[in-house]
Protein backbone atom coordinates (compact mmCIF):
# COMPACT_ATOMS: atom_id res chain seq x y z
CA MET A 1 0.00 0.00 0.00
CA ASN A 2 1.40 3.39 -0.99
CA GLY A 3 2.39 5.43 2.06
CA VAL A 4 2.85 2.43 4.37
CA TRP A 5 6.02 0.49 5.20
CA ALA A 6 6.11 -3.18 6.19
CA LEU A 7 7.72 -3.92 9.56
CA SER A 8 8.62 -7.52 10.27
CA GLY A 9 11.26 -9.82 11.71
CA GLY A 10 11.72 -13.13 13.43
CA ILE A 11 9.95 -14.27 16.57
CA ALA A 12 11.66 -12.79 19.66
CA SER A 13 13.89 -10.60 17.49
CA GLY A 14 12.75 -7.44 19.29
CA LYS A 15 10.26 -6.18 16.73
CA SER A 16 7.88 -4.91 19.43
CA THR A 17 10.69 -2.94 21.05
CA VAL A 18 11.54 -1.31 17.72
CA ALA A 19 7.85 -0.59 17.06
CA ALA A 20 7.63 1.22 20.42
CA MET A 21 10.72 3.26 19.54
CA LEU A 22 9.20 4.19 16.18
CA GLU A 23 5.99 5.33 17.86
CA ALA A 24 7.94 7.33 20.43
CA ARG A 25 9.50 9.21 17.51
CA GLY A 26 6.14 10.08 15.96
CA ALA A 27 5.58 7.19 13.57
CA LYS A 28 2.21 5.48 13.28
CA VAL A 29 2.46 1.73 13.87
CA ILE A 30 -0.45 -0.57 13.06
CA ASP A 31 0.13 -3.76 15.03
CA ALA A 32 -1.25 -6.92 13.43
CA ASP A 33 -1.14 -8.68 16.82
CA GLN A 34 -3.42 -6.01 18.27
CA VAL A 35 -5.73 -6.34 15.28
CA ALA A 36 -5.69 -10.11 15.77
CA ARG A 37 -6.88 -9.62 19.34
CA GLU A 38 -9.67 -7.34 18.17
CA VAL A 39 -11.05 -9.86 15.66
CA VAL A 40 -11.41 -12.58 18.33
CA GLU A 41 -13.07 -10.53 21.04
CA PRO A 42 -16.09 -12.18 22.73
CA GLY A 43 -19.08 -12.07 20.41
CA SER A 44 -16.96 -11.76 17.27
CA GLU A 45 -17.30 -13.94 14.19
CA GLY A 46 -13.62 -14.81 14.49
CA LEU A 47 -13.99 -16.26 17.98
CA ARG A 48 -17.13 -18.16 16.98
CA GLU A 49 -15.27 -19.85 14.10
CA ILE A 50 -12.28 -20.73 16.28
CA VAL A 51 -14.51 -22.41 18.88
CA GLU A 52 -16.36 -24.21 16.10
CA HIS A 53 -13.09 -25.73 14.83
CA PHE A 54 -11.06 -26.17 18.04
CA GLY A 55 -13.67 -26.60 20.77
CA GLU A 56 -14.65 -24.87 23.99
CA GLU A 57 -11.33 -25.78 25.61
CA VAL A 58 -9.70 -22.82 23.84
CA LEU A 59 -11.86 -20.43 25.89
CA HIS A 60 -11.34 -19.01 29.36
CA PRO A 61 -14.31 -19.31 31.73
CA ASP A 62 -15.17 -15.65 31.04
CA GLY A 63 -15.49 -16.33 27.30
CA GLN A 64 -12.17 -14.77 26.30
CA LEU A 65 -9.89 -16.67 23.95
CA HIS A 66 -7.37 -18.82 25.83
CA ARG A 67 -4.35 -18.05 23.66
CA GLU A 68 -1.99 -20.43 25.39
CA ALA A 69 -4.38 -23.36 24.94
CA LEU A 70 -4.90 -22.47 21.30
CA GLY A 71 -1.16 -22.10 20.79
CA GLN A 72 -0.56 -25.58 22.16
CA ARG A 73 -3.11 -26.93 19.67
CA VAL A 74 -1.58 -25.37 16.56
CA PHE A 75 2.17 -25.28 17.10
CA GLY A 76 3.65 -28.41 15.60
CA ASP A 77 0.37 -29.29 13.89
CA GLU A 78 0.53 -27.96 10.34
CA GLU A 79 -3.10 -28.73 9.50
CA ALA A 80 -4.38 -27.00 12.65
CA ARG A 81 -2.15 -23.99 12.03
CA LEU A 82 -3.42 -23.64 8.46
CA THR A 83 -7.01 -23.89 9.67
CA LEU A 84 -6.44 -21.15 12.23
CA ASN A 85 -4.73 -18.96 9.62
CA SER A 86 -7.63 -19.43 7.21
CA ILE A 87 -9.99 -18.14 9.90
CA LEU A 88 -7.93 -15.22 11.13
CA HIS A 89 -5.92 -13.88 8.20
CA PRO A 90 -8.81 -12.55 6.08
CA LYS A 91 -10.34 -10.82 9.10
CA ILE A 92 -7.01 -9.37 10.21
CA PHE A 93 -6.33 -8.15 6.67
CA ILE A 94 -9.67 -6.32 6.37
CA ARG A 95 -9.39 -4.67 9.80
CA SER A 96 -5.74 -3.74 9.18
CA LEU A 97 -6.60 -2.22 5.81
CA GLU A 98 -9.26 -0.07 7.47
CA LYS A 99 -6.68 1.15 10.01
CA MET A 100 -4.12 1.92 7.28
CA GLN A 101 -6.66 3.86 5.27
CA ALA A 102 -7.64 5.84 8.36
CA ALA A 103 -4.00 6.67 9.10
CA LEU A 104 -3.42 7.79 5.52
CA ALA A 105 -6.56 9.92 5.63
CA ALA A 106 -5.25 11.55 8.82
CA ASP A 107 -1.95 12.24 6.98
CA ALA A 108 0.09 10.28 9.53
CA ARG A 109 3.72 9.79 8.44
CA PRO A 110 5.53 7.50 8.40
CA ILE A 111 3.16 4.55 8.78
CA PHE A 112 4.32 1.01 9.51
CA TYR A 113 2.33 -2.21 9.35
CA ASP A 114 3.85 -4.48 11.98
CA ALA A 115 3.27 -8.20 11.32
CA ALA A 116 5.24 -11.41 11.75
CA LEU A 117 4.83 -13.27 8.46
CA LEU A 118 4.96 -10.51 5.85
CA VAL A 119 7.99 -12.07 4.17
CA GLU A 120 6.74 -15.66 4.29
CA ASN A 121 3.44 -14.78 2.65
CA GLY A 122 4.92 -12.24 0.22
CA ALA A 123 2.69 -9.44 1.51
CA TYR A 124 5.70 -7.14 2.04
CA LYS A 125 5.74 -6.57 -1.73
CA ASN A 126 2.50 -4.56 -1.40
CA PHE A 127 4.12 -1.85 0.73
CA ASP A 128 6.51 1.02 0.03
CA GLY A 129 9.39 -0.95 1.56
CA LEU A 130 10.35 -3.53 4.16
CA LEU A 131 12.04 -2.93 7.51
CA ILE A 132 13.30 -6.12 9.17
CA VAL A 133 14.26 -6.39 12.83
CA ALA A 134 16.83 -9.15 13.06
CA ALA A 135 18.69 -11.11 15.73
CA PRO A 136 20.89 -14.24 15.67
CA GLU A 137 18.88 -17.45 16.09
CA GLU A 138 20.58 -18.30 19.37
CA THR A 139 19.45 -14.91 20.71
CA GLN A 140 15.90 -15.53 19.51
CA LEU A 141 15.93 -18.94 21.17
CA SER A 142 17.08 -17.71 24.57
CA ARG A 143 14.69 -14.74 24.53
CA LEU A 144 11.74 -16.93 23.56
CA MET A 145 12.49 -19.53 26.23
CA ARG A 146 12.72 -16.82 28.88
CA ARG A 147 9.76 -14.73 27.68
CA ASN A 148 7.28 -17.57 27.13
CA GLU A 149 8.68 -20.01 29.69
CA LEU A 150 9.24 -22.62 26.99
CA SER A 151 11.61 -25.53 26.77
CA GLU A 152 14.38 -25.30 24.17
CA GLU A 153 12.50 -27.81 22.00
CA GLU A 154 9.23 -25.86 22.21
CA ALA A 155 10.97 -22.56 21.44
CA GLN A 156 12.82 -24.05 18.47
CA LYS A 157 9.56 -25.37 17.01
CA ARG A 158 8.12 -21.86 17.05
CA ILE A 159 11.21 -20.40 15.41
CA ASP A 160 11.10 -23.12 12.76
CA THR A 161 7.58 -22.10 11.66
CA GLN A 162 9.15 -18.94 10.21
CA TRP A 163 11.68 -18.41 7.45
CA PRO A 164 15.36 -18.23 8.48
CA MET A 165 16.44 -14.73 9.39
CA GLU A 166 18.93 -14.51 6.53
CA LYS A 167 16.16 -15.00 3.97
CA LYS A 168 14.22 -12.10 5.46
CA VAL A 169 17.29 -9.88 5.54
CA GLU A 170 17.92 -10.62 1.85
CA VAL A 171 14.64 -8.98 0.77
CA ALA A 172 14.67 -6.09 3.26
CA ASP A 173 15.11 -2.44 2.30
CA HIS A 174 16.37 -1.67 5.81
CA VAL A 175 17.60 -3.98 8.57
CA ILE A 176 17.85 -3.19 12.28
CA TRP A 177 20.01 -5.67 14.19
CA ASN A 178 18.86 -6.13 17.77
CA ASP A 179 21.94 -7.88 19.10
CA HIS A 180 23.55 -5.16 21.23
CA ASP A 181 22.33 -2.68 23.83
CA LEU A 182 19.37 -0.29 23.66
CA ASP A 183 21.53 2.69 22.72
CA HIS A 184 22.76 0.83 19.66
CA LEU A 185 19.19 -0.16 18.80
CA GLU A 186 17.91 3.40 19.14
CA ALA A 187 20.70 4.74 16.93
CA GLN A 188 19.67 2.31 14.20
CA VAL A 189 16.01 3.30 14.53
CA ASP A 190 16.95 6.98 14.17
CA ALA A 191 19.06 6.23 11.10
CA VAL A 192 16.29 4.24 9.40
CA LEU A 193 13.68 6.90 10.13
CA GLN A 194 15.93 9.53 8.61
CA LYS A 195 16.33 7.46 5.43
CA ILE A 196 12.57 6.91 5.21
CA ALA A 197 11.94 10.60 5.82
CA ASN A 198 14.10 11.33 2.79
CA SER A 199 12.20 8.87 0.60
CA SER A 200 9.33 9.88 -1.64
CA HIS A 201 6.53 8.35 0.47
CA GLY A 202 7.79 8.42 4.02
CA ALA A 203 8.35 12.05 4.87
CA LEU A 204 7.67 12.84 8.50
CA GLY A 205 4.75 15.16 8.96
C-alpha cells in the first residue's frame, strides 16, 4: 500500500521494542497482533469460528480466547495452524486495511504495518518498503524460552515455523540488528527513520 512500510522480523527478534521506539519518535504503527486480538473478542465472528473448529477448551471461563491453549493446539500441527490462519488472516487483513486507510486519511507519516509473516506470505511486496528487525537465532531462542517459559525444543519449534532470518534480511530495504544494547538499537532506529523521511513516500509530517 502506498504510504505504508512493512515492519517484520523473526519471533523474539525485538520487533515490538523497535515498534515502540518508532511510535515514540512520531511514527504510526499498526500492530497486526493487536488487530488479531480485536477480531477474536467475545461475540466476534472470528472467535465463533475458532470455537467451532477447536472446541470450547480454547476459551477461558469468562469467554475470552485462551491463547496459550490455542497455541498448544496449533504449534507443531501444520493442519491446525493452516485452519487457524484461514480463519484469522482474512479478518485481520480487512481490519488492518481499514486502520491503514484511516491513518493515511489523517496524513500520519511515516506509517508502519507491523506483522510477523509478511515475508513468508509475500505481503511485504504490497508496501513502500520492508524494515526487518533481526537477531541471531541463538538470541531468539534464549529470549523466547525466557519470555514464554518454553523448553528449548518448544521454542525451536516456534522459530522453525518462520523463514530463516537470513532469507528475510535478503529482501529487506532496511535492517535493524537487535543484538547489542538499547543505545545501539535506538541509533539504528533513528538512522532508518531519517532514510525513510528522505524517501518519496515516508516524509515525517
